[in-house]
Amino acid sequence: MGCLVSTPKDSGGNRRRPGNIGEVSVYVPGLRIPKSVDFFQSLGGHLSKTLVERLTALRTRIVVMAGQEAPTITRTRRKTATQHGGSTLADLHQALEDYLPVLLGLVTDGSQLQYKVQFIWVNQEDDAEETAMFNAWYEVLSVLHLMAMLLLSQANLLLLPRTSADGYQPKVSEESRRASIDIFLKAAGYLDCAVRHVLPQLPSELRRNLPVDLAEGVLRALCLQALGQGVDIQLGMAIDSTKATLAVKRRLACEMVKYWQQAQDNVMNLPLSNGWGEKHRLFIKWKYIEAKSQPSLTAPTIKKPSLCQPFDQKTATGSCACGTHAPPYFFYPTPTRRRVRVCGPRLQPLLSSVNLPIVHPPTVVLSPY
């Protein structure tokens, strides 16, 4: 159940088109902005006045704060402190956390209240200006998406180089890098929850009509992007650390390539044609290429030859290896065209009776990982 309303892209000016997104360490494809909802008209006869007022107050706060925050989301400066001592991003995220448990009450145990309210959100990556649905699971999905985008925005601010107190080249502090890893994992958790637990609750028809901002491929790509950038930070810290082993660095490098490759696979065939979407696709492609071009963290692996086996000079079969002779080993082609490995000291009598060339096998093989 549920109705869908999509407004064409030329219907208004609510969408924030990216002109110059400034310096970017973590690309955030804009913030989807909620529009006001009249809960009293839809739920007044089904819920108590106190609960409807709470829903209205919580969502109105989010609408106002998101409308103020969205135009400045791409600024590279740190967010100014609010009167409560936090930042606007943190306050908006807290407002969403307060709203989500109350919202989930509308969808508990298959309640029919989930179909009573029409929720409207302004899109960023979709061609449609805004999308409205009579389904509370759509609201839950939109809230989780917005919470994840706010966390990615916070991580971007933490990872932008800052001028150090000593006046040297701008850099990112280790505290900021550690904090960003936790933020990336939390954002990935929100997106993974959206894909695994919220999307399946929507009817297949509504899922097909979701804006591209909330398409399964985009949500998976954003989740993998968060994981990939978190591993990227860990790899950088491991390379700077003298205690990190080569095995740890190789594992992190392989994980990073895997995450970015999967993220690119998810967004490759999606219709991300407008400004935000195209920049998002290019960002993922760039990070994947950058991950593959990381300096090699591999070490040469010595291929140790095994002990030789007894060699029969009459039949020229088997292979010689008395167990006492040291490498190098050579390959001796037998009359039956069978290549037999023979240790050096025992090869000389054979060469005196058979005039065949000696082939030296490679002894060092570079491992691809």
Protein backbone atom coordinates (compact mmCIF):
# COMPACT_ATOMS: atom_id res chain seq x y z
CA MET A 1 0.00 0.00 0.00
CA GLY A 2 0.99 3.61 -0.31
CA CYS A 3 0.76 6.32 -2.91
CA LEU A 4 3.61 7.94 -4.79
CA VAL A 5 3.86 11.54 -5.95
CA SER A 6 6.94 12.82 -7.78
CA THR A 7 7.34 16.44 -8.76
CA PRO A 8 9.27 17.21 -11.98
CA LYS A 9 12.64 18.86 -11.73
CA ASP A 10 11.43 22.19 -13.18
CA SER A 11 8.79 22.74 -10.53
CA GLY A 12 10.67 24.91 -8.12
CA GLY A 13 13.90 26.01 -6.54
CA ASN A 14 14.07 23.89 -3.39
CA ARG A 15 16.92 21.73 -4.64
CA ARG A 16 20.48 22.90 -3.96
CA ARG A 17 22.44 22.50 -7.18
CA PRO A 18 26.19 22.06 -6.71
CA GLY A 19 28.19 24.89 -8.21
CA ASN A 20 31.54 24.74 -6.46
CA ILE A 21 31.62 22.07 -3.78
CA GLY A 22 35.00 23.26 -2.51
CA GLU A 23 37.69 21.08 -0.99
CA VAL A 24 36.49 17.52 -0.46
CA SER A 25 37.92 14.59 1.43
CA VAL A 26 34.61 12.72 1.76
CA TYR A 27 32.07 13.35 -0.98
CA VAL A 28 28.51 13.84 0.33
CA PRO A 29 25.82 13.88 -2.39
CA GLY A 30 23.78 16.66 -0.76
CA LEU A 31 21.13 16.49 1.94
CA ARG A 32 17.58 15.41 1.21
CA ILE A 33 15.33 17.98 2.88
CA PRO A 34 12.00 17.04 4.52
CA LYS A 35 8.93 19.20 3.98
CA SER A 36 6.30 20.01 6.58
CA VAL A 37 3.59 17.45 7.40
CA ASP A 38 0.24 18.02 9.14
CA PHE A 39 0.07 15.15 11.64
CA PHE A 40 -3.14 16.47 13.24
CA GLN A 41 -5.10 16.11 10.02
CA SER A 42 -3.82 12.58 9.37
CA LEU A 43 -3.49 11.11 12.86
CA GLY A 44 -5.69 13.32 15.01
CA GLY A 45 -8.43 10.70 15.29
CA HIS A 46 -6.06 7.77 15.87
CA LEU A 47 -3.48 8.99 18.41
CA SER A 48 -3.58 11.07 21.55
CA LYS A 49 -3.10 14.81 21.26
CA THR A 50 0.13 14.64 23.27
CA LEU A 51 1.73 12.11 20.93
CA VAL A 52 0.67 13.99 17.80
CA GLU A 53 2.10 17.21 19.24
CA ARG A 54 5.38 15.43 19.99
CA LEU A 55 5.59 14.06 16.46
CA THR A 56 4.86 17.50 15.03
CA ALA A 57 7.42 19.25 17.23
CA LEU A 58 10.18 16.76 16.49
CA ARG A 59 9.67 16.80 12.73
CA THR A 60 9.22 20.58 12.52
CA ARG A 61 12.58 20.99 14.25
CA ILE A 62 14.20 18.71 11.67
CA VAL A 63 12.57 20.57 8.76
CA VAL A 64 13.84 23.92 9.98
CA MET A 65 17.37 22.75 10.79
CA ALA A 66 17.77 20.75 7.57
CA GLY A 67 16.61 23.72 5.52
CA GLN A 68 19.25 25.89 7.19
CA GLU A 69 22.03 23.32 6.98
CA ALA A 70 21.62 22.09 3.40
CA PRO A 71 22.89 25.28 1.67
CA THR A 72 26.10 25.24 3.74
CA ILE A 73 26.83 21.51 3.69
CA THR A 74 29.64 21.89 1.14
CA ARG A 75 31.51 24.63 2.94
CA THR A 76 34.94 23.56 4.05
CA ARG A 77 35.07 25.61 7.20
CA ARG A 78 34.16 24.04 10.51
CA LYS A 79 30.59 24.54 11.64
CA THR A 80 30.02 27.32 14.11
CA ALA A 81 29.03 26.44 17.64
CA THR A 82 25.41 26.75 18.67
CA GLN A 83 24.06 28.19 21.88
CA HIS A 84 24.13 24.71 23.42
CA GLY A 85 27.83 24.30 22.74
CA GLY A 86 27.53 21.80 19.87
CA SER A 87 27.56 22.20 16.11
CA THR A 88 24.64 22.52 13.71
CA LEU A 89 25.46 19.13 12.17
CA ALA A 90 25.54 17.45 15.58
CA ASP A 91 22.29 19.14 16.66
CA LEU A 92 20.49 18.04 13.50
CA HIS A 93 21.76 14.50 13.96
CA GLN A 94 20.53 14.51 17.57
CA ALA A 95 17.12 15.76 16.44
CA LEU A 96 16.89 12.84 14.01
CA GLU A 97 17.87 10.40 16.75
CA ASP A 98 15.09 11.79 18.95
CA TYR A 99 12.54 11.57 16.13
CA LEU A 100 13.32 8.06 14.89
CA PRO A 101 12.06 6.04 17.93
CA VAL A 102 8.76 7.95 17.91
CA LEU A 103 8.41 7.46 14.15
CA LEU A 104 8.96 3.70 14.48
CA GLY A 105 5.83 3.57 16.63
CA LEU A 106 3.80 4.17 13.45
CA VAL A 107 5.13 0.97 11.82
CA THR A 108 5.23 -1.36 14.83
CA ASP A 109 3.52 -4.73 14.28
CA GLY A 110 2.21 -3.75 10.86
CA SER A 111 0.11 -0.88 12.17
CA GLN A 112 -2.22 0.70 9.61
CA LEU A 113 -1.10 4.12 10.84
CA GLN A 114 1.92 3.82 8.55
CA TYR A 115 -0.34 4.54 5.56
CA LYS A 116 -2.13 7.58 7.01
CA VAL A 117 0.52 10.30 6.53
CA GLN A 118 2.01 11.60 3.29
CA PHE A 119 5.74 12.25 3.79
CA ILE A 120 7.48 14.60 1.35
CA TRP A 121 11.23 14.94 0.81
CA VAL A 122 13.23 17.08 -1.61
CA ASN A 123 15.67 14.94 -3.63
CA GLN A 124 19.25 15.75 -4.62
CA GLU A 125 20.40 13.07 -7.09
CA ASP A 126 17.07 12.18 -8.70
CA ASP A 127 15.58 13.99 -11.70
CA ALA A 128 12.34 14.51 -9.77
CA GLU A 129 12.39 17.60 -7.58
CA GLU A 130 10.64 15.89 -4.67
CA THR A 131 9.00 12.58 -3.81
CA ALA A 132 5.94 12.01 -1.58
CA MET A 133 4.66 8.67 -0.30
CA PHE A 134 1.88 7.53 2.02
CA ASN A 135 4.15 5.11 3.83
CA ALA A 136 5.97 5.59 7.13
CA TRP A 137 8.73 3.16 6.07
CA TYR A 138 9.66 5.70 3.39
CA GLU A 139 10.08 8.24 6.17
CA VAL A 140 12.25 5.83 8.17
CA LEU A 141 14.40 5.19 5.11
CA SER A 142 14.78 8.92 4.46
CA VAL A 143 15.72 9.59 8.09
CA LEU A 144 18.41 6.89 8.10
CA HIS A 145 19.81 8.24 4.83
CA LEU A 146 19.95 11.79 6.21
CA MET A 147 21.65 10.61 9.42
CA ALA A 148 24.31 8.83 7.38
CA MET A 149 24.88 11.89 5.18
CA LEU A 150 25.33 14.08 8.26
CA LEU A 151 27.96 11.68 9.61
CA LEU A 152 29.82 11.68 6.29
CA SER A 153 29.75 15.49 6.37
CA GLN A 154 31.26 15.43 9.87
CA ALA A 155 33.98 13.06 8.69
CA ASN A 156 34.73 15.36 5.76
CA LEU A 157 35.26 18.30 8.12
CA LEU A 158 37.56 16.23 10.33
CA LEU A 159 39.72 15.06 7.41
CA LEU A 160 40.30 18.44 5.77
CA PRO A 161 43.90 19.56 6.38
CA ARG A 162 44.23 22.32 8.97
CA THR A 163 47.09 24.71 9.51
CA SER A 164 49.09 23.45 12.45
CA ALA A 165 50.12 25.60 15.39
CA ASP A 166 53.77 25.44 14.37
CA GLY A 167 52.96 27.06 11.03
CA TYR A 168 54.09 24.14 8.87
CA GLN A 169 52.16 22.52 6.02
CA PRO A 170 48.47 21.88 6.80
CA LYS A 171 47.80 18.35 7.97
CA VAL A 172 45.17 16.14 9.57
CA SER A 173 45.77 15.31 13.21
CA GLU A 174 45.83 11.73 14.40
CA GLU A 175 42.91 12.46 16.76
CA SER A 176 40.79 13.59 13.81
CA ARG A 177 41.69 10.49 11.82
CA ARG A 178 40.78 8.19 14.70
CA ALA A 179 37.48 10.00 15.25
CA SER A 180 36.64 9.80 11.55
CA ILE A 181 37.01 5.99 11.56
CA ASP A 182 34.30 5.68 14.21
CA ILE A 183 32.09 8.05 12.22
CA PHE A 184 32.54 6.06 9.01
CA LEU A 185 31.59 2.82 10.78
CA LYS A 186 28.49 4.43 12.28
CA ALA A 187 27.40 5.83 8.90
CA ALA A 188 27.92 2.43 7.28
CA GLY A 189 25.78 0.89 10.01
CA TYR A 190 22.87 3.25 9.27
CA LEU A 191 23.04 2.51 5.56
CA ASP A 192 23.37 -1.23 6.07
CA CYS A 193 20.28 -1.14 8.31
CA ALA A 194 18.41 0.78 5.61
CA VAL A 195 19.28 -1.84 2.98
CA ARG A 196 18.75 -4.96 5.09
CA HIS A 197 15.81 -4.04 7.31
CA VAL A 198 13.92 -1.03 5.89
CA LEU A 199 13.89 -1.51 2.12
CA PRO A 200 12.35 -5.02 2.40
CA GLN A 201 9.40 -3.48 4.29
CA LEU A 202 8.37 -1.40 1.28
CA PRO A 203 6.14 -2.98 -1.39
CA SER A 204 7.94 -3.83 -4.61
CA GLU A 205 6.01 -1.15 -6.51
CA LEU A 206 7.12 1.60 -4.13
CA ARG A 207 10.69 0.30 -4.16
CA ARG A 208 10.77 0.65 -7.94
CA ASN A 209 9.49 4.22 -7.67
CA LEU A 210 11.91 5.38 -4.97
CA PRO A 211 14.10 8.34 -5.97
CA VAL A 212 17.58 7.41 -7.08
CA ASP A 213 18.88 8.98 -3.85
CA LEU A 214 17.32 6.04 -2.00
CA ALA A 215 17.87 3.34 -4.62
CA GLU A 216 19.37 0.14 -3.25
CA GLY A 217 22.47 0.55 -5.42
CA VAL A 218 23.12 4.07 -4.13
CA LEU A 219 22.62 3.03 -0.50
CA ARG A 220 24.98 0.08 -0.92
CA ALA A 221 27.53 2.29 -2.68
CA LEU A 222 27.40 4.85 0.14
CA CYS A 223 27.80 2.08 2.72
CA LEU A 224 30.82 0.68 0.88
CA GLN A 225 32.19 4.20 0.44
CA ALA A 226 32.07 4.72 4.20
CA LEU A 227 33.79 1.37 4.81
CA GLY A 228 36.37 2.05 2.10
CA GLN A 229 37.29 5.46 3.46
CA GLY A 230 37.47 4.09 6.98
CA VAL A 231 39.92 1.41 5.84
CA ASP A 232 41.82 4.07 3.87
CA ILE A 233 42.39 6.03 7.08
CA GLN A 234 43.46 2.88 8.93
CA LEU A 235 45.92 2.04 6.15
CA GLY A 236 47.43 5.50 6.30
CA MET A 237 47.86 5.21 10.05
CA ALA A 238 49.38 1.72 9.68
CA ILE A 239 51.89 2.98 7.11
CA ASP A 240 52.91 5.79 9.48
CA SER A 241 53.25 3.38 12.39
CA THR A 242 56.46 1.48 13.02
CA LYS A 243 54.59 -1.25 14.89
CA ALA A 244 52.21 -2.27 12.08
CA THR A 245 53.36 -5.43 10.31
CA LEU A 246 53.49 -5.89 6.57
CA ALA A 247 50.70 -8.46 6.77
CA VAL A 248 48.37 -5.90 8.38
CA LYS A 249 49.14 -3.29 5.71
CA ARG A 250 48.59 -5.80 2.90
CA ARG A 251 45.24 -6.87 4.38
CA LEU A 252 44.04 -3.26 4.70
CA ALA A 253 45.15 -2.45 1.15
CA CYS A 254 43.25 -5.45 -0.25
CA GLU A 255 40.12 -4.59 1.75
CA MET A 256 40.19 -0.99 0.52
CA VAL A 257 40.38 -2.05 -3.14
CA LYS A 258 37.54 -4.53 -2.59
CA TYR A 259 35.23 -1.93 -1.02
CA TRP A 260 35.79 0.68 -3.73
CA GLN A 261 35.38 -1.87 -6.51
CA GLN A 262 32.05 -2.99 -5.06
CA ALA A 263 30.94 0.63 -4.62
CA GLN A 264 31.71 1.36 -8.27
CA ASP A 265 29.83 -1.76 -9.38
CA ASN A 266 26.73 -0.57 -7.50
CA VAL A 267 26.57 2.93 -9.03
CA MET A 268 27.76 2.04 -12.53
CA ASN A 269 24.31 1.44 -14.04
CA LEU A 270 22.27 3.94 -12.02
CA PRO A 271 20.82 7.07 -13.71
CA LEU A 272 22.97 9.57 -11.82
CA SER A 273 22.76 12.25 -14.47
CA ASN A 274 22.47 15.54 -12.61
CA GLY A 275 25.18 17.55 -10.85
CA TRP A 276 25.24 15.73 -7.52
CA GLY A 277 24.92 12.27 -9.01
CA GLU A 278 27.59 12.69 -11.68
CA LYS A 279 30.06 14.10 -9.15
CA HIS A 280 29.28 11.17 -6.85
CA ARG A 281 29.98 8.64 -9.61
CA LEU A 282 33.27 10.34 -10.52
CA PHE A 283 34.34 10.47 -6.87
CA ILE A 284 33.85 6.71 -6.43
CA LYS A 285 35.67 6.01 -9.69
CA TRP A 286 38.59 8.21 -8.63
CA LYS A 287 38.86 6.56 -5.20
CA TYR A 288 38.81 3.09 -6.81
CA ILE A 289 41.61 4.02 -9.21
CA GLU A 290 43.55 5.62 -6.36
CA ALA A 291 43.17 2.48 -4.22
CA LYS A 292 44.47 0.26 -7.03
CA SER A 293 47.46 2.54 -7.57
CA GLN A 294 48.65 2.36 -3.96
CA PRO A 295 52.37 1.51 -3.61
CA SER A 296 52.91 -2.25 -3.51
CA LEU A 297 52.95 -3.70 -0.04
CA THR A 298 54.08 -7.11 -1.23
CA ALA A 299 57.36 -8.87 -0.58
CA PRO A 300 59.10 -11.42 -2.77
CA THR A 301 58.28 -15.01 -1.90
CA ILE A 302 61.11 -17.50 -2.30
CA LYS A 303 59.98 -20.70 -3.97
CA LYS A 304 61.82 -23.41 -2.13
CA PRO A 305 62.56 -26.52 -4.25
CA SER A 306 61.67 -29.81 -2.65
CA LEU A 307 64.15 -32.66 -2.18
CA CYS A 308 64.97 -34.68 -5.29
CA GLN A 309 63.90 -38.25 -5.84
CA PRO A 310 66.18 -41.18 -6.90
CA PHE A 311 67.09 -41.08 -10.59
CA ASP A 312 67.39 -44.17 -12.79
CA GLN A 313 70.13 -43.59 -15.42
CA LYS A 314 69.11 -46.64 -17.48
CA THR A 315 65.50 -45.71 -18.04
CA ALA A 316 65.96 -41.96 -17.54
CA THR A 317 62.80 -41.84 -15.48
CA GLY A 318 62.05 -40.44 -12.07
CA SER A 319 64.31 -37.71 -10.77
CA CYS A 320 67.52 -37.68 -8.85
CA ALA A 321 67.77 -36.33 -5.39
CA CYS A 322 69.96 -37.92 -2.88
CA GLY A 323 68.98 -35.50 -0.17
CA THR A 324 72.55 -34.36 0.40
CA HIS A 325 73.14 -32.03 -2.53
CA ALA A 326 72.26 -28.34 -2.22
CA PRO A 327 70.53 -26.20 -4.90
CA PRO A 328 70.62 -25.18 -7.68
CA TYR A 329 68.47 -27.79 -9.32
CA PHE A 330 68.24 -28.29 -13.08
CA PHE A 331 65.65 -29.76 -15.40
CA TYR A 332 66.90 -32.71 -17.44
CA PRO A 333 64.75 -33.64 -20.52
CA THR A 334 64.54 -37.41 -20.75
CA PRO A 335 64.27 -39.41 -24.01
CA THR A 336 60.54 -39.75 -23.33
CA ARG A 337 60.29 -35.91 -23.33
CA ARG A 338 59.66 -35.90 -19.65
CA ARG A 339 61.36 -33.06 -17.78
CA VAL A 340 63.09 -34.39 -14.70
CA ARG A 341 64.58 -32.30 -11.93
CA VAL A 342 68.16 -33.32 -11.09
CA CYS A 343 70.52 -31.84 -8.55
CA GLY A 344 73.76 -30.29 -9.81
CA PRO A 345 76.39 -32.87 -8.68
CA ARG A 346 74.51 -35.83 -10.20
CA LEU A 347 73.82 -34.02 -13.48
CA GLN A 348 77.42 -34.17 -14.70
CA PRO A 349 77.53 -37.95 -15.43
CA LEU A 350 74.34 -37.63 -17.40
CA LEU A 351 75.69 -34.83 -19.59
CA SER A 352 78.72 -36.91 -20.48
CA SER A 353 76.51 -39.59 -22.04
CA VAL A 354 73.66 -37.46 -23.40
CA ASN A 355 74.25 -34.12 -25.11
CA LEU A 356 71.23 -32.15 -23.94
CA PRO A 357 70.92 -28.52 -22.83
CA ILE A 358 70.46 -27.45 -19.22
CA VAL A 359 67.41 -25.29 -18.43
CA HIS A 360 67.55 -23.12 -15.32
CA PRO A 361 64.14 -22.69 -13.68
CA PRO A 362 63.27 -19.45 -11.85
CA THR A 363 63.76 -19.62 -8.11
CA VAL A 364 62.08 -16.34 -7.05
CA VAL A 365 58.38 -15.64 -7.63
CA LEU A 366 56.73 -12.30 -6.73
CA SER A 367 53.44 -12.82 -4.99
CA PRO A 368 50.57 -10.68 -6.33
CA TYR A 369 49.40 -10.01 -2.75
